[in-house]
PDB file of N, CA and C in Angstrom:
ATOM      1  N   MET A   1     296.478 124.173  34.612  1.00  0.00           N
ATOM      2  CA  MET A   1     296.113 125.615  34.417  1.00  0.00           C
ATOM      3  C   MET A   1     294.729 125.773  35.029  1.00  0.00           C
ATOM      4  N   GLN A   2     294.531 126.868  35.751  1.00  0.00           N
ATOM      5  CA  GLN A   2     293.194 127.157  36.276  1.00  0.00           C
ATOM      6  C   GLN A   2     292.297 127.495  35.110  1.00  0.00           C
ATOM      7  N   LYS A   3     290.892 127.556  35.505  1.00  0.00           N
ATOM      8  CA  LYS A   3     289.964 127.879  34.510  1.00  0.00           C
ATOM      9  C   LYS A   3     290.239 129.301  33.880  1.00  0.00           C
ATOM     10  N   PRO A   4     290.299 129.410  32.609  1.00  0.00           N
ATOM     11  CA  PRO A   4     290.475 130.733  32.067  1.00  0.00           C
ATOM     12  C   PRO A   4     289.320 131.700  32.293  1.00  0.00           C
ATOM     13  N   LYS A   5     289.611 132.985  32.473  1.00  0.00           N
ATOM     14  CA  LYS A   5     288.670 134.085  32.635  1.00  0.00           C
ATOM     15  C   LYS A   5     288.563 134.771  31.338  1.00  0.00           C
ATOM     16  N   ILE A   6     287.382 134.906  30.818  1.00  0.00           N
ATOM     17  CA  ILE A   6     287.194 135.526  29.466  1.00  0.00           C
ATOM     18  C   ILE A   6     286.320 136.835  29.619  1.00  0.00           C
ATOM     19  N   LEU A   7     286.650 137.868  28.941  1.00  0.00           N
ATOM     20  CA  LEU A   7     285.950 139.110  28.893  1.00  0.00           C
ATOM     21  C   LEU A   7     285.134 139.123  27.652  1.00  0.00           C
ATOM     22  N   ALA A   8     283.889 139.217  27.634  1.00  0.00           N
ATOM     23  CA  ALA A   8     282.927 139.330  26.455  1.00  0.00           C
ATOM     24  C   ALA A   8     282.426 140.717  26.382  1.00  0.00           C
ATOM     25  N   VAL A   9     282.816 141.435  25.304  1.00  0.00           N
ATOM     26  CA  VAL A   9     282.493 142.767  25.111  1.00  0.00           C
ATOM     27  C   VAL A   9     281.572 142.986  23.894  1.00  0.00           C
ATOM     28  N   ASP A  10     280.341 143.399  24.174  1.00  0.00           N
ATOM     29  CA  ASP A  10     279.362 143.621  23.129  1.00  0.00           C
ATOM     30  C   ASP A  10     278.248 144.508  23.681  1.00  0.00           C
ATOM     31  N   ASP A  11     277.843 145.509  22.794  1.00  0.00           N
ATOM     32  CA  ASP A  11     276.816 146.381  23.294  1.00  0.00           C
ATOM     33  C   ASP A  11     275.385 145.810  23.286  1.00  0.00           C
ATOM     34  N   CYS A  12     275.222 144.683  22.729  1.00  0.00           N
ATOM     35  CA  CYS A  12     273.939 144.037  22.662  1.00  0.00           C
ATOM     36  C   CYS A  12     273.803 142.972  23.749  1.00  0.00           C
ATOM     37  N   PRO A  13     272.968 143.153  24.736  1.00  0.00           N
ATOM     38  CA  PRO A  13     272.795 142.274  25.851  1.00  0.00           C
ATOM     39  C   PRO A  13     272.464 140.782  25.370  1.00  0.00           C
ATOM     40  N   ASN A  14     271.638 140.706  24.321  1.00  0.00           N
ATOM     41  CA  ASN A  14     271.305 139.386  23.817  1.00  0.00           C
ATOM     42  C   ASN A  14     272.544 138.633  23.270  1.00  0.00           C
ATOM     43  N   MET A  15     273.368 139.302  22.564  1.00  0.00           N
ATOM     44  CA  MET A  15     274.537 138.761  22.001  1.00  0.00           C
ATOM     45  C   MET A  15     275.587 138.345  23.189  1.00  0.00           C
ATOM     46  N   ARG A  16     275.643 139.202  24.204  1.00  0.00           N
ATOM     47  CA  ARG A  16     276.501 138.810  25.281  1.00  0.00           C
ATOM     48  C   ARG A  16     275.919 137.556  25.964  1.00  0.00           C
ATOM     49  N   ARG A  17     274.662 137.421  26.142  1.00  0.00           N
ATOM     50  CA  ARG A  17     274.016 136.198  26.693  1.00  0.00           C
ATOM     51  C   ARG A  17     274.355 135.021  25.872  1.00  0.00           C
ATOM     52  N   ILE A  18     274.144 135.107  24.495  1.00  0.00           N
ATOM     53  CA  ILE A  18     274.537 133.980  23.622  1.00  0.00           C
ATOM     54  C   ILE A  18     275.993 133.524  23.846  1.00  0.00           C
ATOM     55  N   ILE A  19     276.874 134.450  23.771  1.00  0.00           N
ATOM     56  CA  ILE A  19     278.310 134.174  23.919  1.00  0.00           C
ATOM     57  C   ILE A  19     278.566 133.499  25.295  1.00  0.00           C
ATOM     58  N   ILE A  20     278.018 134.101  26.399  1.00  0.00           N
ATOM     59  CA  ILE A  20     278.288 133.622  27.728  1.00  0.00           C
ATOM     60  C   ILE A  20     277.693 132.152  27.824  1.00  0.00           C
ATOM     61  N   ASN A  21     276.416 132.016  27.378  1.00  0.00           N
ATOM     62  CA  ASN A  21     275.863 130.614  27.523  1.00  0.00           C
ATOM     63  C   ASN A  21     276.640 129.611  26.754  1.00  0.00           C
ATOM     64  N   THR A  22     277.074 129.979  25.433  1.00  0.00           N
ATOM     65  CA  THR A  22     277.786 129.084  24.625  1.00  0.00           C
ATOM     66  C   THR A  22     279.127 128.705  25.316  1.00  0.00           C
ATOM     67  N   LEU A  23     279.771 129.654  25.915  1.00  0.00           N
ATOM     68  CA  LEU A  23     281.117 129.368  26.512  1.00  0.00           C
ATOM     69  C   LEU A  23     280.899 128.508  27.826  1.00  0.00           C
ATOM     70  N   ARG A  24     279.860 128.849  28.483  1.00  0.00           N
ATOM     71  CA  ARG A  24     279.592 128.051  29.736  1.00  0.00           C
ATOM     72  C   ARG A  24     279.284 126.534  29.462  1.00  0.00           C
ATOM     73  N   ARG A  25     278.476 126.342  28.404  1.00  0.00           N
ATOM     74  CA  ARG A  25     278.237 124.951  28.025  1.00  0.00           C
ATOM     75  C   ARG A  25     279.501 124.255  27.481  1.00  0.00           C
ATOM     76  N   ALA A  26     280.370 124.963  27.067  1.00  0.00           N
ATOM     77  CA  ALA A  26     281.766 124.373  26.637  1.00  0.00           C
ATOM     78  C   ALA A  26     282.739 124.282  27.777  1.00  0.00           C
ATOM     79  N   GLY A  27     282.385 124.730  28.971  1.00  0.00           N
ATOM     80  CA  GLY A  27     283.210 124.555  30.141  1.00  0.00           C
ATOM     81  C   GLY A  27     283.974 125.809  30.553  1.00  0.00           C
ATOM     82  N   PHE A  28     283.697 126.899  29.824  1.00  0.00           N
ATOM     83  CA  PHE A  28     284.330 128.190  30.172  1.00  0.00           C
ATOM     84  C   PHE A  28     283.364 128.872  31.137  1.00  0.00           C
ATOM     85  N   SER A  29     283.461 128.696  32.440  1.00  0.00           N
ATOM     86  CA  SER A  29     282.440 129.103  33.425  1.00  0.00           C
ATOM     87  C   SER A  29     282.734 130.584  33.879  1.00  0.00           C
ATOM     88  N   ASP A  30     283.959 131.002  33.746  1.00  0.00           N
ATOM     89  CA  ASP A  30     284.295 132.360  34.302  1.00  0.00           C
ATOM     90  C   ASP A  30     284.333 133.387  33.188  1.00  0.00           C
ATOM     91  N   VAL A  31     283.130 133.998  32.882  1.00  0.00           N
ATOM     92  CA  VAL A  31     283.030 134.967  31.803  1.00  0.00           C
ATOM     93  C   VAL A  31     282.442 136.230  32.472  1.00  0.00           C
ATOM     94  N   VAL A  32     283.131 137.371  32.104  1.00  0.00           N
ATOM     95  CA  VAL A  32     282.724 138.709  32.580  1.00  0.00           C
ATOM     96  C   VAL A  32     282.250 139.439  31.388  1.00  0.00           C
ATOM     97  N   GLU A  33     281.199 140.210  31.538  1.00  0.00           N
ATOM     98  CA  GLU A  33     280.687 140.963  30.398  1.00  0.00           C
ATOM     99  C   GLU A  33     280.852 142.488  30.489  1.00  0.00           C
ATOM    100  N   ALA A  34     281.127 143.080  29.374  1.00  0.00           N
ATOM    101  CA  ALA A  34     281.225 144.575  29.218  1.00  0.00           C
ATOM    102  C   ALA A  34     280.409 145.069  28.101  1.00  0.00           C
ATOM    103  N   SER A  35     279.818 146.216  28.199  1.00  0.00           N
ATOM    104  CA  SER A  35     278.861 146.816  27.167  1.00  0.00           C
ATOM    105  C   SER A  35     279.564 147.592  26.056  1.00  0.00           C
ATOM    106  N   ASP A  36     280.902 147.992  26.291  1.00  0.00           N
ATOM    107  CA  ASP A  36     281.546 148.598  25.209  1.00  0.00           C
ATOM    108  C   ASP A  36     283.114 148.621  25.561  1.00  0.00           C
ATOM    109  N   GLY A  37     283.894 149.278  24.694  1.00  0.00           N
ATOM    110  CA  GLY A  37     285.344 149.191  24.978  1.00  0.00           C
ATOM    111  C   GLY A  37     285.734 149.973  26.271  1.00  0.00           C
ATOM    112  N   ARG A  38     285.086 151.158  26.522  1.00  0.00           N
ATOM    113  CA  ARG A  38     285.393 151.760  27.798  1.00  0.00           C
ATOM    114  C   ARG A  38     285.123 150.970  28.961  1.00  0.00           C
ATOM    115  N   ASP A  39     283.987 150.358  28.985  1.00  0.00           N
ATOM    116  CA  ASP A  39     283.523 149.444  30.123  1.00  0.00           C
ATOM    117  C   ASP A  39     284.567 148.247  30.287  1.00  0.00           C
ATOM    118  N   ALA A  40     284.975 147.750  29.092  1.00  0.00           N
ATOM    119  CA  ALA A  40     285.922 146.632  29.188  1.00  0.00           C
ATOM    120  C   ALA A  40     287.332 147.081  29.681  1.00  0.00           C
ATOM    121  N   LEU A  41     287.746 148.213  29.289  1.00  0.00           N
ATOM    122  CA  LEU A  41     289.050 148.690  29.803  1.00  0.00           C
ATOM    123  C   LEU A  41     288.974 148.909  31.368  1.00  0.00           C
ATOM    124  N   GLU A  42     287.883 149.432  31.796  1.00  0.00           N
ATOM    125  CA  GLU A  42     287.698 149.601  33.300  1.00  0.00           C
ATOM    126  C   GLU A  42     287.744 148.203  33.979  1.00  0.00           C
ATOM    127  N   LYS A  43     287.117 147.250  33.420  1.00  0.00           N
ATOM    128  CA  LYS A  43     287.154 145.907  33.957  1.00  0.00           C
ATOM    129  C   LYS A  43     288.509 145.291  33.969  1.00  0.00           C
ATOM    130  N   MET A  44     289.263 145.637  32.938  1.00  0.00           N
ATOM    131  CA  MET A  44     290.673 145.117  32.862  1.00  0.00           C
ATOM    132  C   MET A  44     291.606 145.694  33.856  1.00  0.00           C
ATOM    133  N   LYS A  45     291.209 146.887  34.345  1.00  0.00           N
ATOM    134  CA  LYS A  45     291.956 147.515  35.437  1.00  0.00           C
ATOM    135  C   LYS A  45     291.756 146.713  36.771  1.00  0.00           C
ATOM    136  N   GLU A  46     290.624 146.123  36.954  1.00  0.00           N
ATOM    137  CA  GLU A  46     290.215 145.433  38.173  1.00  0.00           C
ATOM    138  C   GLU A  46     290.473 143.933  38.263  1.00  0.00           C
ATOM    139  N   GLU A  47     290.458 143.274  36.991  1.00  0.00           N
ATOM    140  CA  GLU A  47     290.510 141.899  36.898  1.00  0.00           C
ATOM    141  C   GLU A  47     291.496 141.470  35.873  1.00  0.00           C
ATOM    142  N   ASP A  48     292.096 140.212  35.981  1.00  0.00           N
ATOM    143  CA  ASP A  48     292.940 139.644  35.008  1.00  0.00           C
ATOM    144  C   ASP A  48     292.156 138.740  34.145  1.00  0.00           C
ATOM    145  N   PHE A  49     292.362 138.786  32.762  1.00  0.00           N
ATOM    146  CA  PHE A  49     291.644 137.975  31.844  1.00  0.00           C
ATOM    147  C   PHE A  49     292.649 137.210  30.998  1.00  0.00           C
ATOM    148  N   ASN A  50     292.193 136.037  30.585  1.00  0.00           N
ATOM    149  CA  ASN A  50     293.030 135.136  29.694  1.00  0.00           C
ATOM    150  C   ASN A  50     292.653 135.335  28.304  1.00  0.00           C
ATOM    151  N   CYS A  51     291.531 135.978  27.903  1.00  0.00           N
ATOM    152  CA  CYS A  51     291.029 136.067  26.583  1.00  0.00           C
ATOM    153  C   CYS A  51     289.962 137.150  26.569  1.00  0.00           C
ATOM    154  N   ILE A  52     289.884 137.839  25.372  1.00  0.00           N
ATOM    155  CA  ILE A  52     288.856 138.791  25.107  1.00  0.00           C
ATOM    156  C   ILE A  52     288.043 138.394  23.949  1.00  0.00           C
ATOM    157  N   ILE A  53     286.736 138.530  23.944  1.00  0.00           N
ATOM    158  CA  ILE A  53     285.923 138.427  22.791  1.00  0.00           C
ATOM    159  C   ILE A  53     285.210 139.842  22.588  1.00  0.00           C
ATOM    160  N   THR A  54     285.399 140.440  21.504  1.00  0.00           N
ATOM    161  CA  THR A  54     284.826 141.777  21.358  1.00  0.00           C
ATOM    162  C   THR A  54     284.160 141.990  19.960  1.00  0.00           C
ATOM    163  N   ASP A  55     283.053 142.715  20.146  1.00  0.00           N
ATOM    164  CA  ASP A  55     282.356 143.192  18.938  1.00  0.00           C
ATOM    165  C   ASP A  55     283.147 144.337  18.320  1.00  0.00           C
ATOM    166  N   TRP A  56     282.762 144.757  17.043  1.00  0.00           N
ATOM    167  CA  TRP A  56     283.428 145.944  16.419  1.00  0.00           C
ATOM    168  C   TRP A  56     282.599 147.112  16.597  1.00  0.00           C
ATOM    169  N   ASN A  57     281.296 147.003  16.238  1.00  0.00           N
ATOM    170  CA  ASN A  57     280.383 148.222  16.211  1.00  0.00           C
ATOM    171  C   ASN A  57     279.705 148.417  17.610  1.00  0.00           C
ATOM    172  N   MET A  58     280.245 149.334  18.363  1.00  0.00           N
ATOM    173  CA  MET A  58     279.697 149.644  19.686  1.00  0.00           C
ATOM    174  C   MET A  58     279.816 151.150  19.951  1.00  0.00           C
ATOM    175  N   PRO A  59     278.824 151.717  20.728  1.00  0.00           N
ATOM    176  CA  PRO A  59     278.914 153.159  21.040  1.00  0.00           C
ATOM    177  C   PRO A  59     280.099 153.368  22.110  1.00  0.00           C
ATOM    178  N   LYS A  60     280.318 154.605  22.268  1.00  0.00           N
ATOM    179  CA  LYS A  60     281.311 155.058  23.251  1.00  0.00           C
ATOM    180  C   LYS A  60     282.723 154.803  22.847  1.00  0.00           C
ATOM    181  N   MET A  61     283.069 153.367  22.679  1.00  0.00           N
ATOM    182  CA  MET A  61     284.302 152.971  22.171  1.00  0.00           C
ATOM    183  C   MET A  61     284.144 151.784  21.406  1.00  0.00           C
ATOM    184  N   ASP A  62     284.465 151.802  20.055  1.00  0.00           N
ATOM    185  CA  ASP A  62     284.225 150.648  19.132  1.00  0.00           C
ATOM    186  C   ASP A  62     285.308 149.642  19.340  1.00  0.00           C
ATOM    187  N   GLY A  63     285.126 148.440  18.805  1.00  0.00           N
ATOM    188  CA  GLY A  63     286.000 147.327  18.994  1.00  0.00           C
ATOM    189  C   GLY A  63     287.454 147.552  18.512  1.00  0.00           C
ATOM    190  N   LEU A  64     287.577 148.250  17.331  1.00  0.00           N
ATOM    191  CA  LEU A  64     289.025 148.481  16.878  1.00  0.00           C
ATOM    192  C   LEU A  64     289.729 149.500  17.816  1.00  0.00           C
ATOM    193  N   THR A  65     288.974 150.544  18.216  1.00  0.00           N
ATOM    194  CA  THR A  65     289.652 151.442  19.157  1.00  0.00           C
ATOM    195  C   THR A  65     290.000 150.675  20.473  1.00  0.00           C
ATOM    196  N   PHE A  66     289.131 149.807  20.926  1.00  0.00           N
ATOM    197  CA  PHE A  66     289.356 148.987  22.131  1.00  0.00           C
ATOM    198  C   PHE A  66     290.631 148.142  21.953  1.00  0.00           C
ATOM    199  N   VAL A  67     290.732 147.439  20.887  1.00  0.00           N
ATOM    200  CA  VAL A  67     291.898 146.604  20.538  1.00  0.00           C
ATOM    201  C   VAL A  67     293.097 147.392  20.539  1.00  0.00           C
ATOM    202  N   ASN A  68     293.090 148.507  19.881  1.00  0.00           N
ATOM    203  CA  ASN A  68     294.168 149.436  19.780  1.00  0.00           C
ATOM    204  C   ASN A  68     294.698 149.805  21.192  1.00  0.00           C
ATOM    205  N   ASN A  69     293.748 150.131  22.022  1.00  0.00           N
ATOM    206  CA  ASN A  69     294.124 150.454  23.433  1.00  0.00           C
ATOM    207  C   ASN A  69     294.671 149.322  24.170  1.00  0.00           C
ATOM    208  N   VAL A  70     294.077 148.154  24.022  1.00  0.00           N
ATOM    209  CA  VAL A  70     294.649 146.907  24.714  1.00  0.00           C
ATOM    210  C   VAL A  70     296.020 146.623  24.230  1.00  0.00           C
ATOM    211  N   ARG A  71     296.286 146.685  22.871  1.00  0.00           N
ATOM    212  CA  ARG A  71     297.615 146.328  22.340  1.00  0.00           C
ATOM    213  C   ARG A  71     298.703 147.346  22.673  1.00  0.00           C
ATOM    214  N   SER A  72     298.260 148.591  22.974  1.00  0.00           N
ATOM    215  CA  SER A  72     299.205 149.680  23.320  1.00  0.00           C
ATOM    216  C   SER A  72     299.792 149.502  24.748  1.00  0.00           C
ATOM    217  N   MET A  73     299.100 148.573  25.526  1.00  0.00           N
ATOM    218  CA  MET A  73     299.597 148.390  26.919  1.00  0.00           C
ATOM    219  C   MET A  73     300.456 147.097  26.925  1.00  0.00           C
ATOM    220  N   LYS A  74     301.711 147.285  27.448  1.00  0.00           N
ATOM    221  CA  LYS A  74     302.704 146.261  27.487  1.00  0.00           C
ATOM    222  C   LYS A  74     302.071 144.932  28.039  1.00  0.00           C
ATOM    223  N   GLU A  75     301.393 145.052  29.177  1.00  0.00           N
ATOM    224  CA  GLU A  75     300.894 143.920  29.846  1.00  0.00           C
ATOM    225  C   GLU A  75     299.810 143.060  29.079  1.00  0.00           C
ATOM    226  N   PHE A  76     299.252 143.763  28.047  1.00  0.00           N
ATOM    227  CA  PHE A  76     298.208 142.994  27.275  1.00  0.00           C
ATOM    228  C   PHE A  76     298.567 142.751  25.870  1.00  0.00           C
ATOM    229  N   GLU A  77     299.852 143.021  25.467  1.00  0.00           N
ATOM    230  CA  GLU A  77     300.194 142.918  24.060  1.00  0.00           C
ATOM    231  C   GLU A  77     300.086 141.452  23.523  1.00  0.00           C
ATOM    232  N   SER A  78     300.080 140.448  24.281  1.00  0.00           N
ATOM    233  CA  SER A  78     299.918 139.083  23.807  1.00  0.00           C
ATOM    234  C   SER A  78     298.644 138.410  24.263  1.00  0.00           C
ATOM    235  N   LEU A  79     297.749 139.225  24.912  1.00  0.00           N
ATOM    236  CA  LEU A  79     296.471 138.747  25.323  1.00  0.00           C
ATOM    237  C   LEU A  79     295.554 138.276  24.152  1.00  0.00           C
ATOM    238  N   PRO A  80     295.041 137.037  24.078  1.00  0.00           N
ATOM    239  CA  PRO A  80     294.275 136.608  22.972  1.00  0.00           C
ATOM    240  C   PRO A  80     292.986 137.434  22.801  1.00  0.00           C
ATOM    241  N   ILE A  81     292.820 137.875  21.562  1.00  0.00           N
ATOM    242  CA  ILE A  81     291.538 138.632  21.282  1.00  0.00           C
ATOM    243  C   ILE A  81     290.870 138.042  20.104  1.00  0.00           C
ATOM    244  N   LEU A  82     289.592 137.775  20.215  1.00  0.00           N
ATOM    245  CA  LEU A  82     288.704 137.278  19.159  1.00  0.00           C
ATOM    246  C   LEU A  82     287.672 138.380  18.856  1.00  0.00           C
ATOM    247  N   MET A  83     287.605 138.786  17.566  1.00  0.00           N
ATOM    248  CA  MET A  83     286.604 139.718  17.141  1.00  0.00           C
ATOM    249  C   MET A  83     285.300 139.019  16.571  1.00  0.00           C
ATOM    250  N   VAL A  84     284.212 139.377  17.140  1.00  0.00           N
ATOM    251  CA  VAL A  84     282.982 138.733  16.639  1.00  0.00           C
ATOM    252  C   VAL A  84     282.077 139.841  16.225  1.00  0.00           C
ATOM    253  N   THR A  85     281.838 139.946  14.854  1.00  0.00           N
ATOM    254  CA  THR A  85     281.147 141.143  14.303  1.00  0.00           C
ATOM    255  C   THR A  85     280.347 140.760  13.098  1.00  0.00           C
ATOM    256  N   THR A  86     279.404 141.612  12.685  1.00  0.00           N
ATOM    257  CA  THR A  86     278.705 141.497  11.433  1.00  0.00           C
ATOM    258  C   THR A  86     279.507 141.971  10.274  1.00  0.00           C
ATOM    259  N   ARG A  87     280.615 142.585  10.417  1.00  0.00           N
ATOM    260  CA  ARG A  87     281.428 143.079   9.361  1.00  0.00           C
ATOM    261  C   ARG A  87     282.146 141.975   8.660  1.00  0.00           C
ATOM    262  N   SER A  88     281.793 141.666   7.368  1.00  0.00           N
ATOM    263  CA  SER A  88     282.317 140.561   6.702  1.00  0.00           C
ATOM    264  C   SER A  88     283.171 140.825   5.433  1.00  0.00           C
ATOM    265  N   VAL A  89     283.291 142.132   5.194  1.00  0.00           N
ATOM    266  CA  VAL A  89     284.080 142.600   4.047  1.00  0.00           C
ATOM    267  C   VAL A  89     285.572 142.261   4.316  1.00  0.00           C
ATOM    268  N   GLU A  90     286.271 141.668   3.266  1.00  0.00           N
ATOM    269  CA  GLU A  90     287.716 141.337   3.454  1.00  0.00           C
ATOM    270  C   GLU A  90     288.563 142.389   4.008  1.00  0.00           C
ATOM    271  N   ALA A  91     288.353 143.692   3.567  1.00  0.00           N
ATOM    272  CA  ALA A  91     289.152 144.795   4.101  1.00  0.00           C
ATOM    273  C   ALA A  91     288.925 145.035   5.654  1.00  0.00           C
ATOM    274  N   ASP A  92     287.799 144.781   6.051  1.00  0.00           N
ATOM    275  CA  ASP A  92     287.479 144.937   7.474  1.00  0.00           C
ATOM    276  C   ASP A  92     288.209 143.886   8.209  1.00  0.00           C
ATOM    277  N   ILE A  93     288.169 142.693   7.746  1.00  0.00           N
ATOM    278  CA  ILE A  93     288.879 141.555   8.433  1.00  0.00           C
ATOM    279  C   ILE A  93     290.391 141.791   8.459  1.00  0.00           C
ATOM    280  N   GLU A  94     290.872 142.232   7.251  1.00  0.00           N
ATOM    281  CA  GLU A  94     292.371 142.612   7.285  1.00  0.00           C
ATOM    282  C   GLU A  94     292.743 143.762   8.315  1.00  0.00           C
ATOM    283  N   GLN A  95     291.854 144.767   8.291  1.00  0.00           N
ATOM    284  CA  GLN A  95     292.062 145.900   9.267  1.00  0.00           C
ATOM    285  C   GLN A  95     292.082 145.441  10.719  1.00  0.00           C
ATOM    286  N   ALA A  96     291.142 144.570  11.002  1.00  0.00           N
ATOM    287  CA  ALA A  96     291.063 144.012  12.378  1.00  0.00           C
ATOM    288  C   ALA A  96     292.314 143.209  12.737  1.00  0.00           C
ATOM    289  N   MET A  97     292.724 142.382  11.762  1.00  0.00           N
ATOM    290  CA  MET A  97     293.953 141.520  12.046  1.00  0.00           C
ATOM    291  C   MET A  97     295.176 142.386  12.225  1.00  0.00           C
ATOM    292  N   LYS A  98     295.212 143.456  11.470  1.00  0.00           N
ATOM    293  CA  LYS A  98     296.392 144.320  11.536  1.00  0.00           C
ATOM    294  C   LYS A  98     296.370 145.144  12.810  1.00  0.00           C
ATOM    295  N   THR A  99     295.185 145.440  13.363  1.00  0.00           N
ATOM    296  CA  THR A  99     295.010 146.120  14.605  1.00  0.00           C
ATOM    297  C   THR A  99     295.483 145.177  15.765  1.00  0.00           C
ATOM    298  N   GLY A 100     295.372 143.921  15.646  1.00  0.00           N
ATOM    299  CA  GLY A 100     295.983 142.989  16.625  1.00  0.00           C
ATOM    300  C   GLY A 100     295.036 141.952  17.112  1.00  0.00           C
ATOM    301  N   VAL A 101     293.863 141.780  16.477  1.00  0.00           N
ATOM    302  CA  VAL A 101     293.050 140.597  16.936  1.00  0.00           C
ATOM    303  C   VAL A 101     293.674 139.377  16.483  1.00  0.00           C
ATOM    304  N   ASN A 102     293.458 138.263  17.258  1.00  0.00           N
ATOM    305  CA  ASN A 102     294.121 136.915  16.943  1.00  0.00           C
ATOM    306  C   ASN A 102     293.277 136.178  15.926  1.00  0.00           C
ATOM    307  N   SER A 103     291.958 136.397  16.024  1.00  0.00           N
ATOM    308  CA  SER A 103     291.018 135.707  15.065  1.00  0.00           C
ATOM    309  C   SER A 103     289.814 136.504  14.959  1.00  0.00           C
ATOM    310  N   TYR A 104     288.927 136.083  14.055  1.00  0.00           N
ATOM    311  CA  TYR A 104     287.759 136.847  13.555  1.00  0.00           C
ATOM    312  C   TYR A 104     286.637 135.975  13.230  1.00  0.00           C
ATOM    313  N   ILE A 105     285.419 136.237  13.770  1.00  0.00           N
ATOM    314  CA  ILE A 105     284.230 135.460  13.359  1.00  0.00           C
ATOM    315  C   ILE A 105     283.130 136.392  12.974  1.00  0.00           C
ATOM    316  N   VAL A 106     282.396 136.031  11.906  1.00  0.00           N
ATOM    317  CA  VAL A 106     281.379 136.888  11.383  1.00  0.00           C
ATOM    318  C   VAL A 106     280.055 136.404  12.000  1.00  0.00           C
ATOM    319  N   LYS A 107     279.219 137.338  12.495  1.00  0.00           N
ATOM    320  CA  LYS A 107     277.894 136.964  13.054  1.00  0.00           C
ATOM    321  C   LYS A 107     276.990 136.766  11.872  1.00  0.00           C
ATOM    322  N   PRO A 108     276.028 135.826  11.865  1.00  0.00           N
ATOM    323  CA  PRO A 108     275.845 134.936  12.980  1.00  0.00           C
ATOM    324  C   PRO A 108     276.802 133.753  12.891  1.00  0.00           C
ATOM    325  N   PHE A 109     277.069 133.109  14.132  1.00  0.00           N
ATOM    326  CA  PHE A 109     278.054 132.065  14.148  1.00  0.00           C
ATOM    327  C   PHE A 109     277.482 130.923  14.836  1.00  0.00           C
ATOM    328  N   THR A 110     277.995 129.748  14.658  1.00  0.00           N
ATOM    329  CA  THR A 110     277.570 128.535  15.445  1.00  0.00           C
ATOM    330  C   THR A 110     278.328 128.410  16.801  1.00  0.00           C
ATOM    331  N   PRO A 111     277.775 127.766  17.752  1.00  0.00           N
ATOM    332  CA  PRO A 111     278.442 127.592  18.998  1.00  0.00           C
ATOM    333  C   PRO A 111     279.706 126.852  18.764  1.00  0.00           C
ATOM    334  N   ASP A 112     279.845 125.929  17.881  1.00  0.00           N
ATOM    335  CA  ASP A 112     281.077 125.156  17.561  1.00  0.00           C
ATOM    336  C   ASP A 112     282.148 126.089  17.091  1.00  0.00           C
ATOM    337  N   THR A 113     281.809 126.996  16.174  1.00  0.00           N
ATOM    338  CA  THR A 113     282.792 127.990  15.589  1.00  0.00           C
ATOM    339  C   THR A 113     283.329 128.823  16.732  1.00  0.00           C
ATOM    340  N   LEU A 114     282.449 129.351  17.588  1.00  0.00           N
ATOM    341  CA  LEU A 114     283.016 130.164  18.729  1.00  0.00           C
ATOM    342  C   LEU A 114     283.937 129.492  19.579  1.00  0.00           C
ATOM    343  N   VAL A 115     283.545 128.246  20.069  1.00  0.00           N
ATOM    344  CA  VAL A 115     284.359 127.481  20.951  1.00  0.00           C
ATOM    345  C   VAL A 115     285.672 127.049  20.378  1.00  0.00           C
ATOM    346  N   SER A 116     285.619 126.645  19.088  1.00  0.00           N
ATOM    347  CA  SER A 116     286.912 126.229  18.492  1.00  0.00           C
ATOM    348  C   SER A 116     287.892 127.398  18.270  1.00  0.00           C
ATOM    349  N   LYS A 117     287.373 128.589  17.962  1.00  0.00           N
ATOM    350  CA  LYS A 117     288.222 129.750  17.803  1.00  0.00           C
ATOM    351  C   LYS A 117     288.801 130.173  19.136  1.00  0.00           C
ATOM    352  N   ILE A 118     288.033 130.108  20.183  1.00  0.00           N
ATOM    353  CA  ILE A 118     288.495 130.417  21.590  1.00  0.00           C
ATOM    354  C   ILE A 118     289.627 129.416  21.928  1.00  0.00           C
ATOM    355  N   LYS A 119     289.410 128.178  21.688  1.00  0.00           N
ATOM    356  CA  LYS A 119     290.407 127.145  22.040  1.00  0.00           C
ATOM    357  C   LYS A 119     291.649 127.357  21.193  1.00  0.00           C
ATOM    358  N   GLN A 120     291.500 127.755  19.998  1.00  0.00           N
ATOM    359  CA  GLN A 120     292.608 127.870  19.077  1.00  0.00           C
ATOM    360  C   GLN A 120     293.504 129.138  19.450  1.00  0.00           C
ATOM    361  N   ILE A 121     292.817 130.262  19.774  1.00  0.00           N
ATOM    362  CA  ILE A 121     293.740 131.438  20.101  1.00  0.00           C
ATOM    363  C   ILE A 121     294.286 131.346  21.499  1.00  0.00           C
ATOM    364  N   MET A 122     293.570 130.461  22.321  1.00  0.00           N
ATOM    365  CA  MET A 122     294.159 130.336  23.753  1.00  0.00           C
ATOM    366  C   MET A 122     295.061 129.148  23.729  1.00  0.00           C
ATOM    367  N   GLN A 123     295.018 128.330  22.685  1.00  0.00           N
ATOM    368  CA  GLN A 123     295.887 127.189  22.523  1.00  0.00           C
ATOM    369  C   GLN A 123     295.624 126.244  23.625  1.00  0.00           C
ATOM    370  N   THR A 124     294.388 125.899  23.852  1.00  0.00           N
ATOM    371  CA  THR A 124     293.930 124.916  24.871  1.00  0.00           C
ATOM    372  C   THR A 124     293.156 123.857  24.159  1.00  0.00           C
ATOM    373  N   GLU A 125     292.999 122.780  24.792  1.00  0.00           N
ATOM    374  CA  GLU A 125     292.167 121.617  24.244  1.00  0.00           C
ATOM    375  C   GLU A 125     291.225 121.201  25.279  1.00  0.00           C
TER     376      GLU A 125
END
């Protein structure tokens, strides 16, 4: 399998940098960043991705709305999605899972947690 391409969606440039640097250190070198759900959907029209990491709280289009949009498109219904957010209430986690995310990480997170969740949802070793 070729190197996977990952889309990192977060409105905070520092958080995108942390995610990208963590992934690159773990061998995921092809990471594209988007600043919100709208930006991410535009990038998904231009490029193919093997996985999405998205924040929940973002302007223009939040993470849940973005995931709903992604899951409504036949070609992306099985694309692995990891939600990385500060929202830690059980009801929020359940809502995100029902919307279609494959896994969920609460910020702050460790690099090991991020990498292991990505590998888990992409089923790679």
